[in-house]
């Protein structure tokens, strides 16, 4: 089975624009902020509670569904680059770096899980 190359994802923080394979994508401000936060923390799994606190500015556990809705909409807009945005069940989200191998990504996630 062949490997499919990950889509090119570029976040232009100055213009609040996201590009997937050199085509602009129009996320909402909250979707952009979630993606940007995950990109700045791409070395680790980001818990939903942290996204709520630092992006949505809420501490209510009920609001985790709000994050999930925004992420679902964002994935739809990202098209092929949505594969870079992974849910780690029971933990949170991670934006994978396109250049990492599958083994490297899994090792990083497993290491993150082991430290908690």
Foldseek 3Di string as FASTA:
>chain_A
DDDDAAWDWDQDPVVRWIDTNNHTFDADPLLSQLVVVQVVVQLAFDALQNSCCPRVVDRDPVCSVVVVVSLVVSLVRNVRNSVQWDADPPGHIHRHDRVDDPVRVVVSHVVNVVVD
